[in-house]
PDB file of N, CA and C in Angstrom:
ATOM      1  N   UNK A   1     116.323 158.840  79.695  1.00  0.00           N
ATOM      2  CA  UNK A   1     116.585 158.150  78.473  1.00  0.00           C
ATOM      3  C   UNK A   1     117.791 157.220  78.605  1.00  0.00           C
ATOM      4  N   UNK A   2     118.405 157.168  79.763  1.00  0.00           N
ATOM      5  CA  UNK A   2     119.497 156.222  79.999  1.00  0.00           C
ATOM      6  C   UNK A   2     118.927 154.810  80.017  1.00  0.00           C
ATOM      7  N   UNK A   3     119.689 153.847  79.499  1.00  0.00           N
ATOM      8  CA  UNK A   3     119.196 152.472  79.539  1.00  0.00           C
ATOM      9  C   UNK A   3     119.071 151.983  80.980  1.00  0.00           C
ATOM     10  N   UNK A   4     118.056 151.170  81.216  1.00  0.00           N
ATOM     11  CA  UNK A   4     117.826 150.618  82.553  1.00  0.00           C
ATOM     12  C   UNK A   4     117.866 149.095  82.488  1.00  0.00           C
ATOM     13  N   UNK A   5     118.285 148.491  83.590  1.00  0.00           N
ATOM     14  CA  UNK A   5     118.333 147.033  83.712  1.00  0.00           C
ATOM     15  C   UNK A   5     119.159 146.376  82.603  1.00  0.00           C
ATOM     16  N   UNK A   6     120.383 146.872  82.407  1.00  0.00           N
ATOM     17  CA  UNK A   6     121.272 146.301  81.387  1.00  0.00           C
ATOM     18  C   UNK A   6     122.615 145.950  82.009  1.00  0.00           C
ATOM     19  N   UNK A   7     123.483 145.348  81.214  1.00  0.00           N
ATOM     20  CA  UNK A   7     124.825 145.000  81.677  1.00  0.00           C
ATOM     21  C   UNK A   7     125.685 146.230  81.946  1.00  0.00           C
ATOM     22  N   UNK A   8     125.237 147.406  81.508  1.00  0.00           N
ATOM     23  CA  UNK A   8     125.982 148.635  81.777  1.00  0.00           C
ATOM     24  C   UNK A   8     125.830 149.082  83.224  1.00  0.00           C
ATOM     25  N   UNK A   9     124.836 148.553  83.922  1.00  0.00           N
ATOM     26  CA  UNK A   9     124.588 148.932  85.309  1.00  0.00           C
ATOM     27  C   UNK A   9     123.671 150.141  85.403  1.00  0.00           C
ATOM     28  N   UNK A  10     123.497 150.623  86.611  1.00  0.00           N
ATOM     29  CA  UNK A  10     122.682 151.811  86.845  1.00  0.00           C
ATOM     30  C   UNK A  10     123.517 153.038  86.508  1.00  0.00           C
ATOM     31  N   UNK A  11     123.049 153.802  85.527  1.00  0.00           N
ATOM     32  CA  UNK A  11     123.822 154.922  85.005  1.00  0.00           C
ATOM     33  C   UNK A  11     123.320 156.263  85.503  1.00  0.00           C
ATOM     34  N   UNK A  12     124.280 157.162  85.669  1.00  0.00           N
ATOM     35  CA  UNK A  12     124.000 158.552  86.022  1.00  0.00           C
ATOM     36  C   UNK A  12     124.694 159.425  84.982  1.00  0.00           C
ATOM     37  N   UNK A  13     123.963 160.382  84.443  1.00  0.00           N
ATOM     38  CA  UNK A  13     124.557 161.298  83.474  1.00  0.00           C
ATOM     39  C   UNK A  13     125.420 162.313  84.219  1.00  0.00           C
ATOM     40  N   UNK A  14     126.687 162.433  83.806  1.00  0.00           N
ATOM     41  CA  UNK A  14     127.610 163.379  84.428  1.00  0.00           C
ATOM     42  C   UNK A  14     127.669 164.701  83.673  1.00  0.00           C
ATOM     43  N   UNK A  15     127.623 164.623  82.346  1.00  0.00           N
ATOM     44  CA  UNK A  15     127.769 165.838  81.536  1.00  0.00           C
ATOM     45  C   UNK A  15     127.182 165.600  80.144  1.00  0.00           C
ATOM     46  N   UNK A  16     126.457 166.590  79.650  1.00  0.00           N
ATOM     47  CA  UNK A  16     125.959 166.556  78.273  1.00  0.00           C
ATOM     48  C   UNK A  16     126.817 167.527  77.474  1.00  0.00           C
ATOM     49  N   UNK A  17     127.464 167.016  76.435  1.00  0.00           N
ATOM     50  CA  UNK A  17     128.343 167.836  75.603  1.00  0.00           C
ATOM     51  C   UNK A  17     127.622 168.403  74.387  1.00  0.00           C
ATOM     52  N   UNK A  18     126.640 167.665  73.890  1.00  0.00           N
ATOM     53  CA  UNK A  18     125.869 168.123  72.737  1.00  0.00           C
ATOM     54  C   UNK A  18     124.424 167.682  72.926  1.00  0.00           C
ATOM     55  N   UNK A  19     123.513 168.612  72.644  1.00  0.00           N
ATOM     56  CA  UNK A  19     122.092 168.357  72.867  1.00  0.00           C
ATOM     57  C   UNK A  19     121.300 168.911  71.693  1.00  0.00           C
ATOM     58  N   UNK A  20     120.385 168.132  71.151  1.00  0.00           N
ATOM     59  CA  UNK A  20     119.450 168.591  70.141  1.00  0.00           C
ATOM     60  C   UNK A  20     118.182 167.761  70.310  1.00  0.00           C
ATOM     61  N   UNK A  21     117.221 168.285  71.055  1.00  0.00           N
ATOM     62  CA  UNK A  21     115.991 167.599  71.466  1.00  0.00           C
ATOM     63  C   UNK A  21     116.257 166.489  72.483  1.00  0.00           C
ATOM     64  N   UNK A  22     117.358 165.796  72.338  1.00  0.00           N
ATOM     65  CA  UNK A  22     117.807 164.776  73.290  1.00  0.00           C
ATOM     66  C   UNK A  22     119.319 164.931  73.423  1.00  0.00           C
ATOM     67  N   UNK A  23     119.910 164.367  74.464  1.00  0.00           N
ATOM     68  CA  UNK A  23     121.378 164.375  74.517  1.00  0.00           C
ATOM     69  C   UNK A  23     121.945 163.579  73.340  1.00  0.00           C
ATOM     70  N   UNK A  24     122.844 164.193  72.598  1.00  0.00           N
ATOM     71  CA  UNK A  24     123.456 163.562  71.429  1.00  0.00           C
ATOM     72  C   UNK A  24     124.823 162.976  71.784  1.00  0.00           C
ATOM     73  N   UNK A  25     125.533 163.670  72.647  1.00  0.00           N
ATOM     74  CA  UNK A  25     126.866 163.248  73.083  1.00  0.00           C
ATOM     75  C   UNK A  25     126.969 163.563  74.565  1.00  0.00           C
ATOM     76  N   UNK A  26     127.170 162.532  75.383  1.00  0.00           N
ATOM     77  CA  UNK A  26     127.221 162.754  76.828  1.00  0.00           C
ATOM     78  C   UNK A  26     128.116 161.745  77.515  1.00  0.00           C
ATOM     79  N   UNK A  27     128.439 162.055  78.757  1.00  0.00           N
ATOM     80  CA  UNK A  27     129.249 161.188  79.601  1.00  0.00           C
ATOM     81  C   UNK A  27     128.376 160.697  80.743  1.00  0.00           C
ATOM     82  N   UNK A  28     128.441 159.395  81.003  1.00  0.00           N
ATOM     83  CA  UNK A  28     127.709 158.839  82.135  1.00  0.00           C
ATOM     84  C   UNK A  28     128.610 157.877  82.888  1.00  0.00           C
ATOM     85  N   UNK A  29     128.157 157.486  84.057  1.00  0.00           N
ATOM     86  CA  UNK A  29     128.961 156.651  84.952  1.00  0.00           C
ATOM     87  C   UNK A  29     128.023 155.690  85.667  1.00  0.00           C
ATOM     88  N   UNK A  30     128.464 154.442  85.844  1.00  0.00           N
ATOM     89  CA  UNK A  30     127.630 153.510  86.605  1.00  0.00           C
ATOM     90  C   UNK A  30     128.054 153.490  88.071  1.00  0.00           C
ATOM     91  N   UNK A  31     127.364 152.706  88.874  1.00  0.00           N
ATOM     92  CA  UNK A  31     127.574 152.741  90.323  1.00  0.00           C
ATOM     93  C   UNK A  31     128.934 152.203  90.754  1.00  0.00           C
ATOM     94  N   UNK A  32     129.621 151.435  89.898  1.00  0.00           N
ATOM     95  CA  UNK A  32     130.961 150.956  90.249  1.00  0.00           C
ATOM     96  C   UNK A  32     132.052 151.831  89.661  1.00  0.00           C
ATOM     97  N   UNK A  33     131.652 152.918  88.994  1.00  0.00           N
ATOM     98  CA  UNK A  33     132.621 153.898  88.530  1.00  0.00           C
ATOM     99  C   UNK A  33     133.029 153.810  87.070  1.00  0.00           C
ATOM    100  N   UNK A  34     132.496 152.854  86.326  1.00  0.00           N
ATOM    101  CA  UNK A  34     132.826 152.778  84.899  1.00  0.00           C
ATOM    102  C   UNK A  34     132.168 153.947  84.182  1.00  0.00           C
ATOM    103  N   UNK A  35     132.984 154.690  83.430  1.00  0.00           N
ATOM    104  CA  UNK A  35     132.459 155.835  82.676  1.00  0.00           C
ATOM    105  C   UNK A  35     132.282 155.437  81.219  1.00  0.00           C
ATOM    106  N   UNK A  36     131.244 155.990  80.626  1.00  0.00           N
ATOM    107  CA  UNK A  36     130.938 155.749  79.226  1.00  0.00           C
ATOM    108  C   UNK A  36     130.703 157.078  78.528  1.00  0.00           C
ATOM    109  N   UNK A  37     131.314 157.212  77.380  1.00  0.00           N
ATOM    110  CA  UNK A  37     131.016 158.319  76.491  1.00  0.00           C
ATOM    111  C   UNK A  37     129.981 157.766  75.516  1.00  0.00           C
ATOM    112  N   UNK A  38     128.820 158.399  75.446  1.00  0.00           N
ATOM    113  CA  UNK A  38     127.717 157.899  74.622  1.00  0.00           C
ATOM    114  C   UNK A  38     127.446 158.856  73.476  1.00  0.00           C
ATOM    115  N   UNK A  39     127.294 158.283  72.294  1.00  0.00           N
ATOM    116  CA  UNK A  39     127.055 159.060  71.086  1.00  0.00           C
ATOM    117  C   UNK A  39     125.808 158.511  70.406  1.00  0.00           C
ATOM    118  N   UNK A  40     124.837 159.381  70.169  1.00  0.00           N
ATOM    119  CA  UNK A  40     123.604 158.969  69.502  1.00  0.00           C
ATOM    120  C   UNK A  40     123.883 158.763  68.012  1.00  0.00           C
ATOM    121  N   UNK A  41     123.477 157.608  67.491  1.00  0.00           N
ATOM    122  CA  UNK A  41     123.657 157.319  66.071  1.00  0.00           C
ATOM    123  C   UNK A  41     122.338 157.290  65.316  1.00  0.00           C
ATOM    124  N   UNK A  42     121.216 157.243  66.036  1.00  0.00           N
ATOM    125  CA  UNK A  42     119.895 157.239  65.404  1.00  0.00           C
ATOM    126  C   UNK A  42     118.866 157.675  66.432  1.00  0.00           C
ATOM    127  N   UNK A  43     117.935 158.513  65.997  1.00  0.00           N
ATOM    128  CA  UNK A  43     116.795 158.824  66.854  1.00  0.00           C
ATOM    129  C   UNK A  43     115.599 159.156  65.990  1.00  0.00           C
ATOM    130  N   UNK A  44     114.466 158.687  66.443  1.00  0.00           N
ATOM    131  CA  UNK A  44     113.187 159.092  65.876  1.00  0.00           C
ATOM    132  C   UNK A  44     112.223 159.231  67.036  1.00  0.00           C
ATOM    133  N   UNK A  45     110.978 159.297  66.786  1.00  0.00           N
ATOM    134  CA  UNK A  45     110.018 159.568  67.853  1.00  0.00           C
ATOM    135  C   UNK A  45     109.980 158.461  68.901  1.00  0.00           C
ATOM    136  N   UNK A  46     110.257 157.221  68.490  1.00  0.00           N
ATOM    137  CA  UNK A  46     110.068 156.097  69.400  1.00  0.00           C
ATOM    138  C   UNK A  46     111.334 155.348  69.801  1.00  0.00           C
ATOM    139  N   UNK A  47     112.368 155.388  68.978  1.00  0.00           N
ATOM    140  CA  UNK A  47     113.559 154.591  69.274  1.00  0.00           C
ATOM    141  C   UNK A  47     114.835 155.417  69.118  1.00  0.00           C
ATOM    142  N   UNK A  48     115.848 154.966  69.825  1.00  0.00           N
ATOM    143  CA  UNK A  48     117.147 155.639  69.825  1.00  0.00           C
ATOM    144  C   UNK A  48     118.230 154.574  69.750  1.00  0.00           C
ATOM    145  N   UNK A  49     119.321 154.902  69.080  1.00  0.00           N
ATOM    146  CA  UNK A  49     120.478 154.014  69.058  1.00  0.00           C
ATOM    147  C   UNK A  49     121.703 154.814  69.482  1.00  0.00           C
ATOM    148  N   UNK A  50     122.539 154.168  70.272  1.00  0.00           N
ATOM    149  CA  UNK A  50     123.713 154.813  70.844  1.00  0.00           C
ATOM    150  C   UNK A  50     124.917 153.902  70.715  1.00  0.00           C
ATOM    151  N   UNK A  51     126.067 154.500  70.650  1.00  0.00           N
ATOM    152  CA  UNK A  51     127.323 153.788  70.830  1.00  0.00           C
ATOM    153  C   UNK A  51     127.858 154.232  72.192  1.00  0.00           C
ATOM    154  N   UNK A  52     128.118 153.278  73.078  1.00  0.00           N
ATOM    155  CA  UNK A  52     128.692 153.554  74.393  1.00  0.00           C
ATOM    156  C   UNK A  52     130.144 153.100  74.380  1.00  0.00           C
ATOM    157  N   UNK A  53     131.021 154.021  74.687  1.00  0.00           N
ATOM    158  CA  UNK A  53     132.458 153.784  74.717  1.00  0.00           C
ATOM    159  C   UNK A  53     132.930 153.886  76.160  1.00  0.00           C
ATOM    160  N   UNK A  54     133.436 152.785  76.724  1.00  0.00           N
ATOM    161  CA  UNK A  54     133.998 152.833  78.076  1.00  0.00           C
ATOM    162  C   UNK A  54     135.295 153.630  78.033  1.00  0.00           C
ATOM    163  N   UNK A  55     135.448 154.564  78.974  1.00  0.00           N
ATOM    164  CA  UNK A  55     136.647 155.406  78.998  1.00  0.00           C
ATOM    165  C   UNK A  55     137.226 155.477  80.409  1.00  0.00           C
ATOM    166  N   UNK A  56     138.541 155.441  80.480  1.00  0.00           N
ATOM    167  CA  UNK A  56     139.247 155.659  81.740  1.00  0.00           C
ATOM    168  C   UNK A  56     139.374 157.165  81.967  1.00  0.00           C
ATOM    169  N   UNK A  57     139.795 157.553  83.152  1.00  0.00           N
ATOM    170  CA  UNK A  57     140.041 158.975  83.423  1.00  0.00           C
ATOM    171  C   UNK A  57     141.087 159.547  82.476  1.00  0.00           C
ATOM    172  N   UNK A  58     142.167 158.794  82.249  1.00  0.00           N
ATOM    173  CA  UNK A  58     143.227 159.274  81.356  1.00  0.00           C
ATOM    174  C   UNK A  58     142.729 159.442  79.927  1.00  0.00           C
ATOM    175  N   UNK A  59     141.973 158.469  79.451  1.00  0.00           N
ATOM    176  CA  UNK A  59     141.447 158.548  78.079  1.00  0.00           C
ATOM    177  C   UNK A  59     140.455 159.707  77.953  1.00  0.00           C
ATOM    178  N   UNK A  60     139.604 159.881  78.956  1.00  0.00           N
ATOM    179  CA  UNK A  60     138.655 160.992  78.931  1.00  0.00           C
ATOM    180  C   UNK A  60     139.396 162.323  78.908  1.00  0.00           C
ATOM    181  N   UNK A  61     140.428 162.435  79.718  1.00  0.00           N
ATOM    182  CA  UNK A  61     141.230 163.669  79.721  1.00  0.00           C
ATOM    183  C   UNK A  61     141.842 163.931  78.347  1.00  0.00           C
ATOM    184  N   UNK A  62     142.348 162.879  77.704  1.00  0.00           N
ATOM    185  CA  UNK A  62     142.939 163.040  76.369  1.00  0.00           C
ATOM    186  C   UNK A  62     141.894 163.467  75.344  1.00  0.00           C
ATOM    187  N   UNK A  63     140.691 162.941  75.460  1.00  0.00           N
ATOM    188  CA  UNK A  63     139.610 163.321  74.541  1.00  0.00           C
ATOM    189  C   UNK A  63     139.202 164.766  74.782  1.00  0.00           C
ATOM    190  N   UNK A  64     139.008 165.137  76.045  1.00  0.00           N
ATOM    191  CA  UNK A  64     138.547 166.493  76.364  1.00  0.00           C
ATOM    192  C   UNK A  64     139.617 167.548  76.102  1.00  0.00           C
ATOM    193  N   UNK A  65     140.885 167.158  76.194  1.00  0.00           N
ATOM    194  CA  UNK A  65     141.960 168.113  75.917  1.00  0.00           C
ATOM    195  C   UNK A  65     142.350 168.118  74.432  1.00  0.00           C
ATOM    196  N   UNK A  66     141.583 167.400  73.633  1.00  0.00           N
ATOM    197  CA  UNK A  66     141.737 167.366  72.171  1.00  0.00           C
ATOM    198  C   UNK A  66     143.045 166.724  71.714  1.00  0.00           C
ATOM    199  N   UNK A  67     143.551 165.779  72.506  1.00  0.00           N
ATOM    200  CA  UNK A  67     144.700 164.986  72.084  1.00  0.00           C
ATOM    201  C   UNK A  67     144.258 163.765  71.283  1.00  0.00           C
ATOM    202  N   UNK A  68     142.986 163.395  71.450  1.00  0.00           N
ATOM    203  CA  UNK A  68     142.402 162.269  70.724  1.00  0.00           C
ATOM    204  C   UNK A  68     141.077 162.743  70.129  1.00  0.00           C
ATOM    205  N   UNK A  69     140.857 162.474  68.845  1.00  0.00           N
ATOM    206  CA  UNK A  69     139.575 162.823  68.227  1.00  0.00           C
ATOM    207  C   UNK A  69     138.507 161.837  68.682  1.00  0.00           C
ATOM    208  N   UNK A  70     137.262 162.225  68.547  1.00  0.00           N
ATOM    209  CA  UNK A  70     136.162 161.304  68.848  1.00  0.00           C
ATOM    210  C   UNK A  70     136.242 160.069  67.952  1.00  0.00           C
ATOM    211  N   UNK A  71     136.561 160.296  66.699  1.00  0.00           N
ATOM    212  CA  UNK A  71     136.685 159.187  65.748  1.00  0.00           C
ATOM    213  C   UNK A  71     137.735 158.182  66.236  1.00  0.00           C
ATOM    214  N   UNK A  72     138.922 158.668  66.574  1.00  0.00           N
ATOM    215  CA  UNK A  72     139.989 157.772  67.037  1.00  0.00           C
ATOM    216  C   UNK A  72     139.617 157.057  68.334  1.00  0.00           C
ATOM    217  N   UNK A  73     138.937 157.757  69.215  1.00  0.00           N
ATOM    218  CA  UNK A  73     138.516 157.133  70.474  1.00  0.00           C
ATOM    219  C   UNK A  73     137.564 155.974  70.219  1.00  0.00           C
ATOM    220  N   UNK A  74     136.676 156.143  69.255  1.00  0.00           N
ATOM    221  CA  UNK A  74     135.685 155.101  68.973  1.00  0.00           C
ATOM    222  C   UNK A  74     136.292 153.934  68.195  1.00  0.00           C
ATOM    223  N   UNK A  75     137.092 154.220  67.194  1.00  0.00           N
ATOM    224  CA  UNK A  75     137.633 153.112  66.385  1.00  0.00           C
ATOM    225  C   UNK A  75     138.801 152.401  67.073  1.00  0.00           C
ATOM    226  N   UNK A  76     139.329 153.005  68.137  1.00  0.00           N
ATOM    227  CA  UNK A  76     140.406 152.384  68.918  1.00  0.00           C
ATOM    228  C   UNK A  76     140.068 152.407  70.409  1.00  0.00           C
ATOM    229  N   UNK A  77     138.997 151.715  70.811  1.00  0.00           N
ATOM    230  CA  UNK A  77     138.612 151.748  72.224  1.00  0.00           C
ATOM    231  C   UNK A  77     139.657 151.088  73.114  1.00  0.00           C
ATOM    232  N   UNK A  78     139.743 151.573  74.337  1.00  0.00           N
ATOM    233  CA  UNK A  78     140.730 151.030  75.281  1.00  0.00           C
ATOM    234  C   UNK A  78     140.540 149.541  75.530  1.00  0.00           C
ATOM    235  N   UNK A  79     139.304 149.092  75.611  1.00  0.00           N
ATOM    236  CA  UNK A  79     139.067 147.680  75.915  1.00  0.00           C
ATOM    237  C   UNK A  79     138.653 146.880  74.684  1.00  0.00           C
ATOM    238  N   UNK A  80     138.908 147.436  73.490  1.00  0.00           N
ATOM    239  CA  UNK A  80     138.762 146.765  72.206  1.00  0.00           C
ATOM    240  C   UNK A  80     137.327 146.516  71.754  1.00  0.00           C
ATOM    241  N   UNK A  81     136.334 146.906  72.548  1.00  0.00           N
ATOM    242  CA  UNK A  81     134.956 146.746  72.100  1.00  0.00           C
ATOM    243  C   UNK A  81     134.121 147.939  72.542  1.00  0.00           C
ATOM    244  N   UNK A  82     132.946 148.010  71.971  1.00  0.00           N
ATOM    245  CA  UNK A  82     131.984 149.067  72.275  1.00  0.00           C
ATOM    246  C   UNK A  82     130.672 148.405  72.646  1.00  0.00           C
ATOM    247  N   UNK A  83     129.716 149.207  73.046  1.00  0.00           N
ATOM    248  CA  UNK A  83     128.370 148.714  73.281  1.00  0.00           C
ATOM    249  C   UNK A  83     127.414 149.453  72.356  1.00  0.00           C
ATOM    250  N   UNK A  84     126.541 148.707  71.694  1.00  0.00           N
ATOM    251  CA  UNK A  84     125.472 149.325  70.929  1.00  0.00           C
ATOM    252  C   UNK A  84     124.213 149.209  71.774  1.00  0.00           C
ATOM    253  N   UNK A  85     123.603 150.354  72.049  1.00  0.00           N
ATOM    254  CA  UNK A  85     122.418 150.405  72.900  1.00  0.00           C
ATOM    255  C   UNK A  85     121.241 150.861  72.051  1.00  0.00           C
ATOM    256  N   UNK A  86     120.181 150.087  72.078  1.00  0.00           N
ATOM    257  CA  UNK A  86     118.936 150.470  71.429  1.00  0.00           C
ATOM    258  C   UNK A  86     117.913 150.664  72.537  1.00  0.00           C
ATOM    259  N   UNK A  87     117.306 151.867  72.572  1.00  0.00           N
ATOM    260  CA  UNK A  87     116.402 152.222  73.667  1.00  0.00           C
ATOM    261  C   UNK A  87     115.116 152.838  73.141  1.00  0.00           C
ATOM    262  N   UNK A  88     114.091 152.742  73.975  1.00  0.00           N
ATOM    263  CA  UNK A  88     112.915 153.552  73.705  1.00  0.00           C
ATOM    264  C   UNK A  88     112.953 154.739  74.662  1.00  0.00           C
ATOM    265  N   UNK A  89     111.970 155.601  74.587  1.00  0.00           N
ATOM    266  CA  UNK A  89     111.986 156.831  75.371  1.00  0.00           C
ATOM    267  C   UNK A  89     112.011 156.570  76.871  1.00  0.00           C
ATOM    268  N   UNK A  90     111.438 155.447  77.309  1.00  0.00           N
ATOM    269  CA  UNK A  90     111.381 155.122  78.738  1.00  0.00           C
ATOM    270  C   UNK A  90     112.649 154.440  79.245  1.00  0.00           C
ATOM    271  N   UNK A  91     113.590 154.181  78.360  1.00  0.00           N
ATOM    272  CA  UNK A  91     114.844 153.559  78.777  1.00  0.00           C
ATOM    273  C   UNK A  91     114.869 152.057  78.637  1.00  0.00           C
ATOM    274  N   UNK A  92     113.765 151.440  78.170  1.00  0.00           N
ATOM    275  CA  UNK A  92     113.759 150.002  77.936  1.00  0.00           C
ATOM    276  C   UNK A  92     114.741 149.742  76.798  1.00  0.00           C
ATOM    277  N   UNK A  93     115.751 148.913  77.080  1.00  0.00           N
ATOM    278  CA  UNK A  93     116.890 148.850  76.181  1.00  0.00           C
ATOM    279  C   UNK A  93     117.401 147.439  75.942  1.00  0.00           C
ATOM    280  N   UNK A  94     118.117 147.310  74.829  1.00  0.00           N
ATOM    281  CA  UNK A  94     118.941 146.137  74.574  1.00  0.00           C
ATOM    282  C   UNK A  94     120.370 146.641  74.387  1.00  0.00           C
ATOM    283  N   UNK A  95     121.311 145.863  74.883  1.00  0.00           N
ATOM    284  CA  UNK A  95     122.722 146.237  74.793  1.00  0.00           C
ATOM    285  C   UNK A  95     123.487 145.060  74.190  1.00  0.00           C
ATOM    286  N   UNK A  96     124.316 145.358  73.192  1.00  0.00           N
ATOM    287  CA  UNK A  96     125.137 144.331  72.558  1.00  0.00           C
ATOM    288  C   UNK A  96     126.574 144.810  72.459  1.00  0.00           C
ATOM    289  N   UNK A  97     127.506 143.869  72.656  1.00  0.00           N
ATOM    290  CA  UNK A  97     128.917 144.152  72.392  1.00  0.00           C
ATOM    291  C   UNK A  97     129.086 144.268  70.887  1.00  0.00           C
ATOM    292  N   UNK A  98     129.883 145.228  70.449  1.00  0.00           N
ATOM    293  CA  UNK A  98     130.233 145.311  69.036  1.00  0.00           C
ATOM    294  C   UNK A  98     131.710 145.656  68.913  1.00  0.00           C
ATOM    295  N   UNK A  99     132.270 145.289  67.806  1.00  0.00           N
ATOM    296  CA  UNK A  99     133.646 145.662  67.506  1.00  0.00           C
ATOM    297  C   UNK A  99     133.639 146.925  66.654  1.00  0.00           C
ATOM    298  N   UNK A 100     134.625 147.783  66.821  1.00  0.00           N
ATOM    299  CA  UNK A 100     134.642 149.035  66.058  1.00  0.00           C
ATOM    300  C   UNK A 100     134.564 148.833  64.550  1.00  0.00           C
ATOM    301  N   UNK A 101     135.158 147.756  64.045  1.00  0.00           N
ATOM    302  CA  UNK A 101     135.130 147.489  62.613  1.00  0.00           C
ATOM    303  C   UNK A 101     133.758 147.196  62.059  1.00  0.00           C
ATOM    304  N   UNK A 102     132.796 146.891  62.923  1.00  0.00           N
ATOM    305  CA  UNK A 102     131.436 146.594  62.458  1.00  0.00           C
ATOM    306  C   UNK A 102     130.565 147.846  62.338  1.00  0.00           C
ATOM    307  N   UNK A 103     131.095 148.994  62.754  1.00  0.00           N
ATOM    308  CA  UNK A 103     130.325 150.234  62.660  1.00  0.00           C
ATOM    309  C   UNK A 103     130.235 150.710  61.213  1.00  0.00           C
ATOM    310  N   UNK A 104     129.085 151.261  60.880  1.00  0.00           N
ATOM    311  CA  UNK A 104     128.891 151.883  59.578  1.00  0.00           C
ATOM    312  C   UNK A 104     129.517 153.274  59.610  1.00  0.00           C
ATOM    313  N   UNK A 105     129.979 153.745  58.466  1.00  0.00           N
ATOM    314  CA  UNK A 105     130.591 155.077  58.387  1.00  0.00           C
ATOM    315  C   UNK A 105     129.639 156.155  58.890  1.00  0.00           C
ATOM    316  N   UNK A 106     128.329 155.978  58.670  1.00  0.00           N
ATOM    317  CA  UNK A 106     127.342 156.963  59.124  1.00  0.00           C
ATOM    318  C   UNK A 106     127.235 157.042  60.645  1.00  0.00           C
ATOM    319  N   UNK A 107     127.677 155.991  61.322  1.00  0.00           N
ATOM    320  CA  UNK A 107     127.608 155.967  62.789  1.00  0.00           C
ATOM    321  C   UNK A 107     128.812 156.620  63.449  1.00  0.00           C
ATOM    322  N   UNK A 108     129.824 156.945  62.657  1.00  0.00           N
ATOM    323  CA  UNK A 108     131.062 157.510  63.202  1.00  0.00           C
ATOM    324  C   UNK A 108     131.086 159.028  63.059  1.00  0.00           C
ATOM    325  N   UNK A 109     131.701 159.702  64.019  1.00  0.00           N
ATOM    326  CA  UNK A 109     131.883 161.151  63.859  1.00  0.00           C
ATOM    327  C   UNK A 109     132.922 161.427  62.774  1.00  0.00           C
ATOM    328  N   UNK A 110     132.991 162.664  62.325  1.00  0.00           N
ATOM    329  CA  UNK A 110     134.028 163.049  61.370  1.00  0.00           C
ATOM    330  C   UNK A 110     135.396 162.727  61.957  1.00  0.00           C
ATOM    331  N   UNK A 111     136.353 162.442  61.095  1.00  0.00           N
ATOM    332  CA  UNK A 111     137.686 162.045  61.551  1.00  0.00           C
ATOM    333  C   UNK A 111     138.407 163.147  62.322  1.00  0.00           C
ATOM    334  N   UNK A 112     137.995 164.397  62.129  1.00  0.00           N
ATOM    335  CA  UNK A 112     138.647 165.513  62.826  1.00  0.00           C
ATOM    336  C   UNK A 112     137.746 166.139  63.894  1.00  0.00           C
ATOM    337  N   UNK A 113     136.716 165.402  64.344  1.00  0.00           N
ATOM    338  CA  UNK A 113     135.778 165.931  65.343  1.00  0.00           C
ATOM    339  C   UNK A 113     136.340 165.808  66.760  1.00  0.00           C
ATOM    340  N   UNK A 114     136.221 166.894  67.505  1.00  0.00           N
ATOM    341  CA  UNK A 114     136.604 166.923  68.912  1.00  0.00           C
ATOM    342  C   UNK A 114     135.401 167.356  69.734  1.00  0.00           C
ATOM    343  N   UNK A 115     135.449 167.092  71.022  1.00  0.00           N
ATOM    344  CA  UNK A 115     134.423 167.626  71.920  1.00  0.00           C
ATOM    345  C   UNK A 115     134.795 169.062  72.220  1.00  0.00           C
ATOM    346  N   UNK A 116     133.890 169.977  71.939  1.00  0.00           N
ATOM    347  CA  UNK A 116     134.129 171.389  72.219  1.00  0.00           C
ATOM    348  C   UNK A 116     133.793 171.697  73.670  1.00  0.00           C
ATOM    349  N   UNK A 117     134.719 171.405  74.546  1.00  0.00           N
ATOM    350  CA  UNK A 117     134.459 171.521  75.984  1.00  0.00           C
ATOM    351  C   UNK A 117     135.696 172.078  76.659  1.00  0.00           C
ATOM    352  N   UNK A 118     135.535 173.148  77.420  1.00  0.00           N
ATOM    353  CA  UNK A 118     136.693 173.780  78.055  1.00  0.00           C
ATOM    354  C   UNK A 118     136.601 173.817  79.566  1.00  0.00           C
ATOM    355  N   UNK A 119     135.446 173.524  80.137  1.00  0.00           N
ATOM    356  CA  UNK A 119     135.280 173.563  81.585  1.00  0.00           C
ATOM    357  C   UNK A 119     135.891 172.320  82.212  1.00  0.00           C
ATOM    358  N   UNK A 120     136.673 172.442  83.265  1.00  0.00           N
ATOM    359  CA  UNK A 120     137.214 171.242  83.925  1.00  0.00           C
ATOM    360  C   UNK A 120     136.067 170.342  84.386  1.00  0.00           C
ATOM    361  N   UNK A 121     136.183 169.067  84.163  1.00  0.00           N
ATOM    362  CA  UNK A 121     135.148 168.112  84.482  1.00  0.00           C
ATOM    363  C   UNK A 121     135.537 167.312  85.705  1.00  0.00           C
ATOM    364  N   UNK A 122     134.688 167.337  86.721  1.00  0.00           N
ATOM    365  CA  UNK A 122     134.944 166.569  87.946  1.00  0.00           C
ATOM    366  C   UNK A 122     134.203 165.241  87.832  1.00  0.00           C
ATOM    367  N   UNK A 123     134.917 164.174  87.522  1.00  0.00           N
ATOM    368  CA  UNK A 123     134.289 162.870  87.369  1.00  0.00           C
ATOM    369  C   UNK A 123     134.340 162.040  88.644  1.00  0.00           C
ATOM    370  N   UNK A 124     134.826 162.618  89.710  1.00  0.00           N
ATOM    371  CA  UNK A 124     134.963 161.890  90.975  1.00  0.00           C
ATOM    372  C   UNK A 124     133.685 161.925  91.788  1.00  0.00           C
ATOM    373  N   UNK A 125     132.572 162.267  91.182  1.00  0.00           N
ATOM    374  CA  UNK A 125     131.284 162.343  91.894  1.00  0.00           C
ATOM    375  C   UNK A 125     130.918 161.044  92.515  1.00  0.00           C
TER     376      UNK A 125
END
């Protein structure tokens, strides 16, 4: 279900943090090492929408250690923009740059939401 043939590059899923029929919140990495935290904002039988947030190792560590909420990470991205990905089940996708201010409140996690993850994550794969 990862997008294919997009500006995000060839992606590999590193970790799924939340799953309900499909991965809802996960971390992926492209072949040049850019990591993205992806959050599903819409899913039905045929289409899916995601917000992809580029994260550095330091930012990911701060998110996983609960120093930064998911909400704060998304509304204050390190590189000032996000990617909105619309995909079908086969990964055929469109990707657009978006600014955090253009997100609808329904697309954002709760302001006090953290990733419930305690296992050390090796992102150097």
